[in-house]
Amino acid sequence: MPSKEDTNHLCNNIARLRWACRRGMLELDVLLNNFLNETYLTLPVSEKKLFTELLTYPDPELFAWLIGRERPENKELARITEIIHSHARSGI
């Protein structure tokens, strides 16, 4: 888990976020990069930090959350996964 300072730095560095969105699964690459490109900058800082934290999780867990097969136990992470899931369903 990254420190609060690391999360703040990553949260404000789009190039690093873009790199962190590159995953081992094409489906995750598409979901995360589309969200980053189309919605991330409009999020409040608290949700940007959650997105950054979310990127620290392994691909299988992240994929299950983002397609709605599973839900994170952490309520905050569940909120950001639902935002990403809703964005993907909206076809924006």
C-alpha atoms as a PDB file:
ATOM      1  CA  MET A   1       0.000   0.000   0.000  1.00  0.00           C
ATOM      2  CA  PRO A   2       1.505   3.359  -1.000  1.00  0.00           C
ATOM      3  CA  SER A   3       2.062   6.048   1.596  1.00  0.00           C
ATOM      4  CA  LYS A   4      -0.227   9.081   1.682  1.00  0.00           C
ATOM      5  CA  GLU A   5       2.557  11.214   0.194  1.00  0.00           C
ATOM      6  CA  ASP A   6       3.094   8.709  -2.661  1.00  0.00           C
ATOM      7  CA  THR A   7      -0.643   8.639  -3.352  1.00  0.00           C
ATOM      8  CA  ASN A   8      -0.821  12.450  -3.464  1.00  0.00           C
ATOM      9  CA  HIS A   9       2.113  12.621  -5.867  1.00  0.00           C
ATOM     10  CA  LEU A  10       0.711   9.938  -8.164  1.00  0.00           C
ATOM     11  CA  CYS A  11      -2.764  11.444  -7.969  1.00  0.00           C
ATOM     12  CA  ASN A  12      -1.452  14.652  -9.548  1.00  0.00           C
ATOM     13  CA  ASN A  13       0.806  13.037 -12.155  1.00  0.00           C
ATOM     14  CA  ILE A  14      -1.230  11.946 -15.186  1.00  0.00           C
ATOM     15  CA  ALA A  15       1.774  10.390 -16.960  1.00  0.00           C
ATOM     16  CA  ARG A  16       2.420   8.112 -13.977  1.00  0.00           C
ATOM     17  CA  LEU A  17      -1.264   7.278 -13.693  1.00  0.00           C
ATOM     18  CA  ARG A  18      -1.380   6.404 -17.383  1.00  0.00           C
ATOM     19  CA  TRP A  19       1.561   4.057 -16.811  1.00  0.00           C
ATOM     20  CA  ALA A  20      -0.133   2.523 -13.729  1.00  0.00           C
ATOM     21  CA  CYS A  21      -3.278   1.906 -15.818  1.00  0.00           C
ATOM     22  CA  ARG A  22      -1.268  -0.345 -18.138  1.00  0.00           C
ATOM     23  CA  ARG A  23      -2.109  -3.808 -16.923  1.00  0.00           C
ATOM     24  CA  GLY A  24      -1.579  -7.429 -17.900  1.00  0.00           C
ATOM     25  CA  MET A  25      -5.157  -7.695 -19.164  1.00  0.00           C
ATOM     26  CA  LEU A  26      -6.356  -5.810 -22.225  1.00  0.00           C
ATOM     27  CA  GLU A  27      -9.822  -5.436 -20.672  1.00  0.00           C
ATOM     28  CA  LEU A  28      -8.352  -3.626 -17.673  1.00  0.00           C
ATOM     29  CA  ASP A  29      -6.188  -1.449 -19.911  1.00  0.00           C
ATOM     30  CA  VAL A  30      -9.269  -0.324 -21.810  1.00  0.00           C
ATOM     31  CA  LEU A  31     -11.471   0.227 -18.738  1.00  0.00           C
ATOM     32  CA  LEU A  32      -8.856   2.109 -16.740  1.00  0.00           C
ATOM     33  CA  ASN A  33      -7.417   4.197 -19.573  1.00  0.00           C
ATOM     34  CA  ASN A  34     -10.852   5.215 -20.843  1.00  0.00           C
ATOM     35  CA  PHE A  35     -11.802   6.262 -17.328  1.00  0.00           C
ATOM     36  CA  LEU A  36      -8.533   8.147 -16.867  1.00  0.00           C
ATOM     37  CA  ASN A  37      -8.891   9.951 -20.197  1.00  0.00           C
ATOM     38  CA  GLU A  38     -12.591  10.761 -19.971  1.00  0.00           C
ATOM     39  CA  THR A  39     -13.505  11.159 -16.304  1.00  0.00           C
ATOM     40  CA  TYR A  40     -10.543  11.245 -13.913  1.00  0.00           C
ATOM     41  CA  LEU A  41      -9.849  14.979 -14.135  1.00  0.00           C
ATOM     42  CA  THR A  42     -13.462  15.787 -13.208  1.00  0.00           C
ATOM     43  CA  LEU A  43     -13.293  13.796  -9.953  1.00  0.00           C
ATOM     44  CA  PRO A  44     -12.925  15.418  -6.550  1.00  0.00           C
ATOM     45  CA  VAL A  45      -9.497  14.916  -4.946  1.00  0.00           C
ATOM     46  CA  SER A  46     -10.840  12.261  -2.559  1.00  0.00           C
ATOM     47  CA  GLU A  47     -11.984  10.083  -5.468  1.00  0.00           C
ATOM     48  CA  LYS A  48      -8.744  10.700  -7.375  1.00  0.00           C
ATOM     49  CA  LYS A  49      -6.901   9.309  -4.358  1.00  0.00           C
ATOM     50  CA  LEU A  50      -9.193   6.268  -4.308  1.00  0.00           C
ATOM     51  CA  PHE A  51      -8.539   5.648  -8.000  1.00  0.00           C
ATOM     52  CA  THR A  52      -4.798   5.863  -7.347  1.00  0.00           C
ATOM     53  CA  GLU A  53      -5.105   3.413  -4.453  1.00  0.00           C
ATOM     54  CA  LEU A  54      -7.190   1.079  -6.598  1.00  0.00           C
ATOM     55  CA  LEU A  55      -4.328   0.824  -9.079  1.00  0.00           C
ATOM     56  CA  THR A  56      -2.186  -0.876  -6.418  1.00  0.00           C
ATOM     57  CA  TYR A  57      -4.366  -4.014  -6.426  1.00  0.00           C
ATOM     58  CA  PRO A  58      -3.609  -7.125  -8.502  1.00  0.00           C
ATOM     59  CA  ASP A  59      -5.279  -7.558 -11.879  1.00  0.00           C
ATOM     60  CA  PRO A  60      -7.584 -10.515 -11.079  1.00  0.00           C
ATOM     61  CA  GLU A  61      -9.041  -8.761  -8.034  1.00  0.00           C
ATOM     62  CA  LEU A  62      -9.334  -5.454  -9.854  1.00  0.00           C
ATOM     63  CA  PHE A  63     -11.007  -7.063 -12.866  1.00  0.00           C
ATOM     64  CA  ALA A  64     -13.592  -8.858 -10.696  1.00  0.00           C
ATOM     65  CA  TRP A  65     -14.433  -5.564  -8.992  1.00  0.00           C
ATOM     66  CA  LEU A  66     -14.643  -3.498 -12.159  1.00  0.00           C
ATOM     67  CA  ILE A  67     -16.924  -5.878 -14.022  1.00  0.00           C
ATOM     68  CA  GLY A  68     -19.167  -6.174 -10.978  1.00  0.00           C
ATOM     69  CA  ARG A  69     -18.503  -9.862 -10.277  1.00  0.00           C
ATOM     70  CA  GLU A  70     -17.204  -9.014  -6.792  1.00  0.00           C
ATOM     71  CA  ARG A  71     -17.192  -5.985  -4.529  1.00  0.00           C
ATOM     72  CA  PRO A  72     -14.291  -4.700  -2.416  1.00  0.00           C
ATOM     73  CA  GLU A  73     -14.803  -4.992   1.326  1.00  0.00           C
ATOM     74  CA  ASN A  74     -13.534  -1.426   1.729  1.00  0.00           C
ATOM     75  CA  LYS A  75     -16.556   0.856   1.190  1.00  0.00           C
ATOM     76  CA  GLU A  76     -14.439   3.653  -0.265  1.00  0.00           C
ATOM     77  CA  LEU A  77     -12.882   1.348  -2.860  1.00  0.00           C
ATOM     78  CA  ALA A  78     -16.326  -0.061  -3.611  1.00  0.00           C
ATOM     79  CA  ARG A  79     -17.477   3.479  -4.383  1.00  0.00           C
ATOM     80  CA  ILE A  80     -14.706   4.175  -6.915  1.00  0.00           C
ATOM     81  CA  THR A  81     -15.131   0.770  -8.565  1.00  0.00           C
ATOM     82  CA  GLU A  82     -18.828   1.525  -9.013  1.00  0.00           C
ATOM     83  CA  ILE A  83     -17.981   4.901 -10.553  1.00  0.00           C
ATOM     84  CA  ILE A  84     -15.627   3.221 -13.032  1.00  0.00           C
ATOM     85  CA  HIS A  85     -18.142   0.443 -13.709  1.00  0.00           C
ATOM     86  CA  SER A  86     -20.888   3.018 -14.356  1.00  0.00           C
ATOM     87  CA  HIS A  87     -18.618   4.964 -16.671  1.00  0.00           C
ATOM     88  CA  ALA A  88     -17.906   1.816 -18.694  1.00  0.00           C
ATOM     89  CA  ARG A  89     -21.623   0.942 -18.924  1.00  0.00           C
ATOM     90  CA  SER A  90     -22.511   4.449 -20.056  1.00  0.00           C
ATOM     91  CA  GLY A  91     -20.445   4.030 -23.205  1.00  0.00           C
ATOM     92  CA  ILE A  92     -18.915   7.486 -22.852  1.00  0.00           C
END
